[in-house]
Amino acid sequence: MSTAISKANRAFKDYSRETVPEEKSHSWLSMGLVWSGVGISLGLLLTGGTIGDGLNIREAFVAAFVGGAILTVVTSLTGIIGARLRLSTAMAARFAFGRSAIVLIAFIMALGCYGWFAVQLGLFGDTAATAWTTLTGSSVGSWLFIIIGGVLMISTAVIGYKALDILSKLAVPLMAVLIIASTWRVLEANTWDEILAMEGNGEPISVGVGISLTVSSFIVGAVIAPDVSRYAKSPAHTIGGAVLAFGVVTPLVLITGTLMAMETGTSDIVNIMIGLGWGVLALVLLMLAQWSSNDNNLYSAALGLAVIFTRLQKWQLTAIAGVVGIVLALMGIYQNFPAFLNVLGVFIPPVAGVIIADYYFGKRSRYGTSLLDSVPVLRPFALAAWIVGSVVALITTYTPVLITSMPVIDGMVSAGIVLFLLNRFGKDSALLKSNTETEAAA
């Protein structure tokens, strides 16, 4: 048994607790395709449909591209840190939060990834069940396809980045063809005047809420960008990948979802595809897109847990995380999709605010792989800033209080400002020392 585990450890090595060697690095196109593989998904199309329910087409266009620009900036800022350190998000965040606090932060980020995994796995199950019924005429419960899809997603996430890269190179071009064809079908059936006059038939929302939904759709991915960018050839390649994925692909996918929802009168992506007449082939491609998207969620969840549970290898944690995600999907988290986006918007963005403010505005000198062993047990300033940012996002999400009208931005910016001020005017002596520093002082 120990020999088999040792072989698996070597085969699935993915540098979860160490730096990625330079010879393993990839280009901006690889980064962009992996991130695009996450973006081209049922979940993002569903978000586009949700936005389309409450906005007109012009407002939806603004929400998609402004939200995409915000995601590009956040992904670039966090991703550059990963590219420079060549460490995963959880390992890099240790410098900002400390060894003890990162347990809480990594758990919350892993929970976010689990949630996305479960949501998209539920979508996968529904899509696969519909495709099966369309193809055979017989009905099979979505639970079966949730389990099958979960196993497929676990298989590539276990292997690591190289499997994500290969699958994305297959899925992204195929889904791009489907999205272009779907958009063309909508354009062909309507004049430009009719398209520009399109609007949702649901409860109206503001453009700010639309932007917030756009940012929420991938804010977890933006925060955990180092999980992918640690493989980047350079920070410039990270920026190039972020621009491709979030400046271009993500907004176009959202607008496609919006157009299809407005054309068919529903935001249910499965019914949309059937309504557009694409049939089983489109549903199969959508399932492939879910696979390329969801294995990333599982991959990042396991990287976070690898920092907490050091006795287990990342591939083992991936398998465990996958099983938990399957259970959540079977419990029906997909049905609570809008509420889930709001929850992510409260707790995850402030993490990015803390890391960005700490690295770029004052404390970069304490970031470095040679300093990992001397990271303090806890950095109270970072934890306090994250709490403040989460409270601000909570208030602006669930009360009439507004700041920017985008709760995800409120929380992230608030956390960053608070940490900047604490770092600028607070005393470093208030930070708890690491065990190494304590022993040296004694």
Protein backbone atom coordinates (compact mmCIF):
# COMPACT_ATOMS: atom_id res chain seq x y z
CA MET A 1 0.00 0.00 0.00
CA SER A 2 2.78 2.43 0.92
CA THR A 3 4.50 1.75 -2.42
CA ALA A 4 1.29 2.52 -4.33
CA ILE A 5 0.82 5.76 -2.38
CA SER A 6 4.43 6.77 -3.06
CA LYS A 7 3.93 6.21 -6.78
CA ALA A 8 0.72 8.25 -6.69
CA ASN A 9 2.51 11.05 -4.83
CA ARG A 10 5.15 11.21 -7.57
CA ALA A 11 2.64 10.95 -10.42
CA PHE A 12 0.31 13.64 -9.05
CA LYS A 13 2.97 16.03 -7.71
CA ASP A 14 1.63 19.58 -8.07
CA TYR A 15 3.83 21.67 -5.75
CA SER A 16 1.02 22.42 -3.31
CA ARG A 17 3.37 23.44 -0.46
CA GLU A 18 6.45 24.52 -2.41
CA THR A 19 7.47 26.77 -5.27
CA VAL A 20 6.77 25.75 -8.86
CA PRO A 21 10.06 25.15 -10.74
CA GLU A 22 10.70 27.56 -13.63
CA GLU A 23 10.93 24.70 -16.11
CA LYS A 24 7.28 23.88 -15.35
CA SER A 25 6.03 27.38 -16.24
CA HIS A 26 3.43 28.15 -18.93
CA SER A 27 2.56 31.05 -21.22
CA TRP A 28 -0.17 33.71 -20.97
CA LEU A 29 -2.24 31.73 -23.46
CA SER A 30 -2.20 28.68 -21.20
CA MET A 31 -3.18 30.86 -18.21
CA GLY A 32 -5.92 32.53 -20.23
CA LEU A 33 -7.36 29.26 -21.51
CA VAL A 34 -7.42 27.69 -18.05
CA TRP A 35 -9.22 30.73 -16.64
CA SER A 36 -11.48 30.87 -19.70
CA GLY A 37 -12.28 27.20 -19.15
CA VAL A 38 -13.63 28.22 -15.77
CA GLY A 39 -15.56 31.13 -17.26
CA ILE A 40 -17.15 29.31 -20.19
CA SER A 41 -19.60 27.38 -18.06
CA LEU A 42 -23.25 26.81 -17.32
CA GLY A 43 -22.87 28.91 -14.19
CA LEU A 44 -21.66 31.99 -16.06
CA LEU A 45 -24.34 31.61 -18.74
CA LEU A 46 -26.89 31.33 -15.93
CA THR A 47 -25.52 34.53 -14.39
CA GLY A 48 -25.89 36.22 -17.77
CA GLY A 49 -29.49 35.05 -17.89
CA THR A 50 -30.09 36.34 -14.36
CA ILE A 51 -28.69 39.75 -15.33
CA GLY A 52 -30.82 39.71 -18.46
CA ASP A 53 -33.95 39.14 -16.39
CA GLY A 54 -33.54 42.49 -14.62
CA LEU A 55 -31.75 44.76 -17.14
CA ASN A 56 -32.16 45.86 -20.72
CA ILE A 57 -29.51 44.79 -23.23
CA ARG A 58 -27.54 48.06 -23.07
CA GLU A 59 -27.37 47.93 -19.28
CA ALA A 60 -26.40 44.25 -19.39
CA PHE A 61 -23.58 45.09 -21.80
CA VAL A 62 -22.23 47.71 -19.37
CA ALA A 63 -22.57 45.35 -16.40
CA ALA A 64 -20.73 42.53 -18.21
CA PHE A 65 -17.77 44.57 -19.43
CA VAL A 66 -17.33 46.75 -16.35
CA GLY A 67 -17.55 43.63 -14.18
CA GLY A 68 -15.08 41.88 -16.49
CA ALA A 69 -12.67 44.80 -16.22
CA ILE A 70 -12.84 44.67 -12.42
CA LEU A 71 -12.17 40.94 -12.48
CA THR A 72 -9.22 41.51 -14.83
CA VAL A 73 -7.66 44.03 -12.45
CA VAL A 74 -8.20 41.92 -9.32
CA THR A 75 -6.96 38.75 -11.02
CA SER A 76 -3.88 40.55 -12.32
CA LEU A 77 -3.04 42.05 -8.92
CA THR A 78 -3.41 38.79 -7.01
CA GLY A 79 -2.02 36.70 -9.87
CA ILE A 80 1.19 38.73 -10.08
CA ILE A 81 1.89 37.87 -6.44
CA GLY A 82 1.54 34.18 -7.28
CA ALA A 83 3.74 34.54 -10.37
CA ARG A 84 6.50 36.25 -8.41
CA LEU A 85 6.42 33.90 -5.43
CA ARG A 86 5.49 30.81 -7.50
CA LEU A 87 3.29 29.75 -4.58
CA SER A 88 -0.40 28.83 -4.27
CA THR A 89 -2.92 31.32 -2.87
CA ALA A 90 -3.00 29.77 0.60
CA MET A 91 0.79 29.66 0.81
CA ALA A 92 1.11 33.28 -0.38
CA ALA A 93 -1.65 34.47 1.98
CA ARG A 94 0.33 33.18 4.95
CA PHE A 95 2.56 36.25 4.63
CA ALA A 96 -0.44 38.58 5.01
CA PHE A 97 -2.48 36.73 7.64
CA GLY A 98 0.00 34.59 9.54
CA ARG A 99 0.23 30.83 10.07
CA SER A 100 -2.79 30.52 12.37
CA ALA A 101 -5.18 32.95 10.67
CA ILE A 102 -4.59 31.35 7.28
CA VAL A 103 -6.37 28.24 8.57
CA LEU A 104 -9.59 30.26 8.81
CA ILE A 105 -9.02 32.10 5.52
CA ALA A 106 -8.10 28.93 3.63
CA PHE A 107 -11.18 27.19 5.01
CA ILE A 108 -13.46 30.01 3.84
CA MET A 109 -11.88 30.04 0.38
CA ALA A 110 -12.16 26.25 0.19
CA LEU A 111 -15.81 26.55 1.21
CA GLY A 112 -16.34 29.00 -1.62
CA CYS A 113 -14.73 26.61 -4.09
CA TYR A 114 -16.81 23.74 -2.71
CA GLY A 115 -19.93 25.81 -3.18
CA TRP A 116 -19.08 26.58 -6.79
CA PHE A 117 -18.19 22.95 -7.38
CA ALA A 118 -21.54 21.84 -5.96
CA VAL A 119 -23.54 24.49 -7.84
CA GLN A 120 -21.96 23.69 -11.18
CA LEU A 121 -22.11 19.97 -10.55
CA GLY A 122 -25.86 20.34 -9.96
CA LEU A 123 -26.12 22.18 -13.27
CA PHE A 124 -24.08 19.42 -14.89
CA GLY A 125 -26.48 16.78 -13.53
CA ASP A 126 -29.57 18.61 -14.81
CA THR A 127 -28.02 19.18 -18.24
CA ALA A 128 -26.88 15.59 -18.58
CA ALA A 129 -30.27 14.26 -17.51
CA THR A 130 -31.99 16.46 -20.11
CA ALA A 131 -29.55 15.35 -22.81
CA TRP A 132 -30.17 11.71 -21.92
CA THR A 133 -33.95 12.15 -22.11
CA THR A 134 -33.68 13.97 -25.44
CA LEU A 135 -31.41 11.29 -26.87
CA THR A 136 -33.13 8.14 -25.60
CA GLY A 137 -36.65 9.19 -24.64
CA SER A 138 -36.19 7.62 -21.20
CA SER A 139 -35.87 9.50 -17.94
CA VAL A 140 -32.91 9.15 -15.55
CA GLY A 141 -32.49 11.06 -12.30
CA SER A 142 -29.94 13.87 -12.30
CA TRP A 143 -28.35 12.30 -9.19
CA LEU A 144 -26.71 9.64 -11.37
CA PHE A 145 -25.07 12.22 -13.63
CA ILE A 146 -24.01 14.30 -10.64
CA ILE A 147 -22.04 11.33 -9.40
CA ILE A 148 -20.61 10.52 -12.84
CA GLY A 149 -19.70 14.15 -13.49
CA GLY A 150 -18.15 14.47 -10.05
CA VAL A 151 -15.89 11.49 -10.68
CA LEU A 152 -14.76 12.93 -14.04
CA MET A 153 -13.99 16.29 -12.46
CA ILE A 154 -12.10 14.67 -9.60
CA SER A 155 -9.97 12.73 -12.11
CA THR A 156 -8.48 15.82 -13.79
CA ALA A 157 -8.23 17.85 -10.57
CA VAL A 158 -6.23 15.04 -8.97
CA ILE A 159 -3.64 15.15 -11.77
CA GLY A 160 -3.21 18.92 -11.41
CA TYR A 161 -2.40 21.86 -13.66
CA LYS A 162 -1.25 19.83 -16.65
CA ALA A 163 -4.64 18.11 -16.83
CA LEU A 164 -6.49 21.43 -16.44
CA ASP A 165 -4.42 22.85 -19.28
CA ILE A 166 -5.13 19.97 -21.66
CA LEU A 167 -8.86 19.86 -20.93
CA SER A 168 -9.23 23.64 -21.31
CA LYS A 169 -7.51 23.54 -24.71
CA LEU A 170 -10.16 21.04 -25.80
CA ALA A 171 -13.25 22.54 -24.17
CA VAL A 172 -12.73 26.29 -24.69
CA PRO A 173 -12.58 26.28 -28.53
CA LEU A 174 -15.61 23.98 -28.75
CA MET A 175 -17.64 26.13 -26.37
CA ALA A 176 -16.53 29.27 -28.19
CA VAL A 177 -18.01 27.85 -31.39
CA LEU A 178 -21.29 27.06 -29.61
CA ILE A 179 -21.49 30.52 -28.04
CA ILE A 180 -20.75 32.28 -31.34
CA ALA A 181 -23.34 30.14 -33.12
CA SER A 182 -25.94 30.82 -30.40
CA THR A 183 -25.30 34.56 -30.61
CA TRP A 184 -25.55 34.45 -34.38
CA ARG A 185 -28.87 32.63 -34.18
CA VAL A 186 -30.28 35.35 -31.93
CA LEU A 187 -28.91 38.10 -34.17
CA GLU A 188 -30.25 36.40 -37.28
CA ALA A 189 -33.77 36.23 -35.84
CA ASN A 190 -33.88 39.92 -34.87
CA THR A 191 -33.04 43.30 -36.37
CA TRP A 192 -30.50 45.53 -34.64
CA ASP A 193 -33.30 47.80 -33.48
CA GLU A 194 -35.10 44.84 -31.95
CA ILE A 195 -31.91 43.65 -30.23
CA LEU A 196 -31.16 47.11 -28.82
CA ALA A 197 -34.72 47.27 -27.50
CA MET A 198 -34.47 43.91 -25.69
CA GLU A 199 -35.05 43.91 -21.96
CA GLY A 200 -35.67 41.40 -19.20
CA ASN A 201 -39.10 40.33 -18.04
CA GLY A 202 -38.13 39.81 -14.41
CA GLU A 203 -37.84 42.12 -11.43
CA PRO A 204 -35.73 45.16 -12.42
CA ILE A 205 -32.24 45.51 -10.91
CA SER A 206 -29.70 48.34 -11.06
CA VAL A 207 -26.61 48.28 -13.27
CA GLY A 208 -24.55 48.27 -10.06
CA VAL A 209 -26.25 45.05 -8.96
CA GLY A 210 -25.59 43.62 -12.43
CA ILE A 211 -21.90 44.50 -12.11
CA SER A 212 -21.85 42.98 -8.65
CA LEU A 213 -23.38 39.76 -9.98
CA THR A 214 -20.76 39.71 -12.74
CA VAL A 215 -17.90 40.17 -10.30
CA SER A 216 -19.42 37.67 -7.86
CA SER A 217 -19.57 35.09 -10.64
CA PHE A 218 -15.79 34.74 -10.53
CA ILE A 219 -14.58 36.68 -7.51
CA VAL A 220 -13.42 33.45 -5.87
CA GLY A 221 -11.33 32.73 -8.96
CA ALA A 222 -9.86 36.23 -8.90
CA VAL A 223 -8.87 35.91 -5.24
CA ILE A 224 -7.29 32.50 -5.78
CA ALA A 225 -5.59 33.47 -9.06
CA PRO A 226 -2.14 32.49 -7.67
CA ASP A 227 -3.24 28.84 -7.80
CA VAL A 228 -2.93 29.15 -11.58
CA SER A 229 -0.52 32.07 -12.00
CA ARG A 230 2.18 30.35 -9.95
CA TYR A 231 2.81 28.47 -13.22
CA ALA A 232 3.16 31.71 -15.24
CA LYS A 233 6.42 32.41 -17.05
CA SER A 234 6.33 35.97 -15.69
CA PRO A 235 3.94 38.55 -14.19
CA ALA A 236 3.34 39.89 -17.73
CA HIS A 237 2.03 36.47 -18.77
CA THR A 238 -0.36 36.59 -15.81
CA ILE A 239 -1.75 39.92 -16.98
CA GLY A 240 -2.12 38.64 -20.54
CA GLY A 241 -4.03 35.59 -19.35
CA ALA A 242 -6.30 37.71 -17.14
CA VAL A 243 -7.12 40.13 -19.98
CA LEU A 244 -8.01 37.26 -22.32
CA ALA A 245 -10.16 35.42 -19.78
CA PHE A 246 -11.91 38.27 -17.97
CA GLY A 247 -11.56 41.27 -20.23
CA VAL A 248 -12.77 39.39 -23.30
CA VAL A 249 -14.15 35.89 -22.76
CA THR A 250 -16.14 36.39 -19.54
CA PRO A 251 -18.10 39.47 -20.72
CA LEU A 252 -18.88 37.82 -24.06
CA VAL A 253 -20.17 34.68 -22.32
CA LEU A 254 -22.32 36.81 -20.02
CA ILE A 255 -23.78 38.80 -22.93
CA THR A 256 -24.47 35.56 -24.77
CA GLY A 257 -26.36 34.25 -21.74
CA THR A 258 -28.28 37.52 -21.56
CA LEU A 259 -29.20 37.49 -25.26
CA MET A 260 -30.30 33.87 -25.14
CA ALA A 261 -32.41 34.48 -22.02
CA MET A 262 -34.10 37.52 -23.58
CA GLU A 263 -34.75 35.65 -26.81
CA THR A 264 -36.22 32.54 -25.20
CA GLY A 265 -37.88 34.21 -22.20
CA THR A 266 -36.10 32.08 -19.58
CA SER A 267 -32.80 32.21 -17.68
CA ASP A 268 -32.65 28.40 -17.40
CA ILE A 269 -29.70 27.56 -19.64
CA VAL A 270 -30.94 24.03 -20.33
CA ASN A 271 -34.29 25.28 -21.59
CA ILE A 272 -32.49 28.03 -23.52
CA MET A 273 -30.43 25.53 -25.49
CA ILE A 274 -33.50 23.46 -26.22
CA GLY A 275 -35.40 26.62 -27.20
CA LEU A 276 -32.67 27.62 -29.64
CA GLY A 277 -32.91 24.18 -31.21
CA TRP A 278 -29.35 23.03 -30.63
CA GLY A 279 -30.36 19.63 -29.27
CA VAL A 280 -28.12 17.01 -27.71
CA LEU A 281 -24.81 18.18 -29.22
CA ALA A 282 -25.03 21.55 -27.46
CA LEU A 283 -25.94 19.90 -24.19
CA VAL A 284 -22.96 17.56 -24.47
CA LEU A 285 -20.64 20.53 -25.12
CA LEU A 286 -22.11 22.31 -22.11
CA MET A 287 -21.33 19.28 -19.98
CA LEU A 288 -17.74 19.36 -21.28
CA ALA A 289 -17.60 23.04 -20.34
CA GLN A 290 -18.78 22.19 -16.84
CA TRP A 291 -16.04 19.61 -16.55
CA SER A 292 -13.32 22.10 -17.56
CA SER A 293 -14.77 24.69 -15.19
CA ASN A 294 -15.46 22.60 -12.15
CA ASP A 295 -12.20 20.71 -11.89
CA ASN A 296 -10.57 24.12 -11.27
CA ASN A 297 -12.82 24.71 -8.27
CA LEU A 298 -11.87 21.35 -6.84
CA TYR A 299 -8.21 21.93 -7.63
CA SER A 300 -8.09 25.22 -5.72
CA ALA A 301 -10.07 23.87 -2.77
CA ALA A 302 -7.51 21.09 -2.38
CA LEU A 303 -4.59 23.54 -2.62
CA GLY A 304 -6.08 25.52 0.25
CA LEU A 305 -6.63 22.44 2.35
CA ALA A 306 -3.10 21.22 1.62
CA VAL A 307 -1.77 24.10 3.72
CA ILE A 308 -4.02 23.10 6.63
CA PHE A 309 -3.81 19.31 6.51
CA THR A 310 -0.11 18.84 5.93
CA ARG A 311 -0.13 15.09 6.54
CA LEU A 312 -2.20 14.46 3.43
CA GLN A 313 -1.08 14.92 -0.14
CA LYS A 314 -2.92 17.32 -2.43
CA TRP A 315 -4.29 14.51 -4.61
CA GLN A 316 -5.78 12.83 -1.54
CA LEU A 317 -7.39 16.08 -0.42
CA THR A 318 -8.75 16.55 -3.93
CA ALA A 319 -10.53 13.22 -3.76
CA ILE A 320 -11.98 14.04 -0.34
CA ALA A 321 -13.05 17.52 -1.51
CA GLY A 322 -14.71 16.00 -4.55
CA VAL A 323 -16.80 13.64 -2.49
CA VAL A 324 -17.93 16.50 -0.23
CA GLY A 325 -18.83 18.55 -3.30
CA ILE A 326 -20.86 15.70 -4.76
CA VAL A 327 -22.81 15.43 -1.52
CA LEU A 328 -23.53 19.18 -1.56
CA ALA A 329 -24.72 18.95 -5.15
CA LEU A 330 -27.01 16.05 -4.27
CA MET A 331 -28.41 18.20 -1.45
CA GLY A 332 -29.55 20.77 -4.04
CA ILE A 333 -27.33 23.81 -3.50
CA TYR A 334 -27.95 24.63 -7.19
CA GLN A 335 -31.48 25.73 -6.30
CA ASN A 336 -30.08 28.54 -4.12
CA PHE A 337 -27.76 29.99 -6.75
CA PRO A 338 -28.51 33.75 -6.39
CA ALA A 339 -28.29 33.58 -2.58
CA PHE A 340 -25.01 31.71 -2.87
CA LEU A 341 -23.51 34.47 -5.05
CA ASN A 342 -24.38 37.03 -2.38
CA VAL A 343 -22.72 34.95 0.35
CA LEU A 344 -19.53 34.74 -1.72
CA GLY A 345 -19.66 38.49 -2.19
CA VAL A 346 -19.54 39.01 1.56
CA PHE A 347 -16.59 36.92 2.69
CA ILE A 348 -14.25 36.28 -0.25
CA PRO A 349 -13.45 39.72 -1.78
CA PRO A 350 -12.05 41.17 1.48
CA VAL A 351 -9.34 38.50 1.34
CA ALA A 352 -8.17 39.95 -1.97
CA GLY A 353 -8.34 43.46 -0.50
CA VAL A 354 -6.06 42.46 2.36
CA ILE A 355 -3.50 40.64 0.22
CA ILE A 356 -3.36 43.38 -2.43
CA ALA A 357 -3.01 46.21 0.11
CA ASP A 358 -0.42 44.32 2.15
CA TYR A 359 1.76 43.39 -0.84
CA TYR A 360 1.55 46.51 -2.99
CA PHE A 361 1.24 49.25 -0.38
CA GLY A 362 3.78 48.72 2.32
CA LYS A 363 4.83 45.21 3.36
CA ARG A 364 6.25 43.56 0.24
CA SER A 365 9.60 43.08 1.98
CA ARG A 366 8.14 40.33 4.17
CA TYR A 367 7.03 38.29 1.14
CA GLY A 368 9.53 35.73 -0.07
CA THR A 369 9.94 31.97 -0.14
CA SER A 370 13.04 32.23 2.05
CA LEU A 371 10.87 33.84 4.75
CA LEU A 372 8.20 31.14 4.94
CA ASP A 373 9.66 29.62 8.10
CA SER A 374 9.61 32.96 9.91
CA VAL A 375 5.99 33.90 9.16
CA PRO A 376 4.30 35.08 12.41
CA VAL A 377 1.61 32.97 14.00
CA LEU A 378 -0.91 35.77 13.47
CA ARG A 379 -1.07 39.21 11.90
CA PRO A 380 -3.95 40.90 13.78
CA PHE A 381 -4.05 43.87 11.38
CA ALA A 382 -4.84 41.62 8.40
CA LEU A 383 -7.47 39.65 10.28
CA ALA A 384 -9.10 42.86 11.56
CA ALA A 385 -9.15 44.37 8.05
CA TRP A 386 -10.76 41.23 6.64
CA ILE A 387 -13.44 41.28 9.35
CA VAL A 388 -14.20 44.96 8.67
CA GLY A 389 -14.39 44.34 4.93
CA SER A 390 -16.74 41.38 5.44
CA VAL A 391 -19.00 43.43 7.75
CA VAL A 392 -19.14 46.27 5.21
CA ALA A 393 -20.02 43.83 2.42
CA LEU A 394 -22.62 42.19 4.67
CA ILE A 395 -24.28 45.55 5.39
CA THR A 396 -24.30 46.74 1.79
CA THR A 397 -25.62 43.36 0.59
CA TYR A 398 -28.46 42.83 3.04
CA THR A 399 -29.49 46.37 4.07
CA PRO A 400 -30.51 49.51 2.12
CA VAL A 401 -27.10 51.06 2.86
CA LEU A 402 -25.11 51.67 -0.33
CA ILE A 403 -21.53 52.77 -0.99
CA THR A 404 -20.63 51.91 -4.59
CA SER A 405 -23.82 49.87 -5.16
CA MET A 406 -21.47 46.88 -5.63
CA PRO A 407 -21.13 44.98 -2.33
CA VAL A 408 -18.23 42.86 -3.58
CA ILE A 409 -16.24 46.01 -4.30
CA ASP A 410 -17.33 47.64 -1.02
CA GLY A 411 -15.95 44.73 0.99
CA MET A 412 -12.72 44.39 -0.96
CA VAL A 413 -11.85 48.09 -1.01
CA SER A 414 -12.83 48.57 2.65
CA ALA A 415 -10.56 45.73 3.75
CA GLY A 416 -7.70 47.13 1.69
CA ILE A 417 -8.10 50.66 3.05
CA VAL A 418 -8.31 49.46 6.66
CA LEU A 419 -5.15 47.36 6.31
CA PHE A 420 -3.31 50.20 4.57
CA LEU A 421 -4.14 52.55 7.44
CA LEU A 422 -3.25 50.00 10.11
CA ASN A 423 0.06 49.20 8.42
CA ARG A 424 0.80 52.90 7.98
CA PHE A 425 -0.09 54.15 11.45
CA GLY A 426 -0.07 51.02 13.63
CA LYS A 427 2.89 49.52 15.45
CA ASP A 428 4.54 46.37 14.15
CA SER A 429 5.30 45.44 17.75
CA ALA A 430 1.61 44.57 18.08
CA LEU A 431 2.11 41.62 15.74
CA LEU A 432 2.48 38.24 17.38
CA LYS A 433 5.90 36.77 16.76
CA SER A 434 6.61 33.44 15.16
CA ASN A 435 8.12 30.58 17.12
CA THR A 436 11.46 31.14 15.42
CA GLU A 437 11.52 34.84 16.29
CA THR A 438 10.49 34.12 19.89
CA GLU A 439 13.29 31.57 20.33
CA ALA A 440 15.81 33.99 18.81
CA ALA A 441 14.73 36.77 21.17
CA ALA A 442 15.10 34.44 24.15
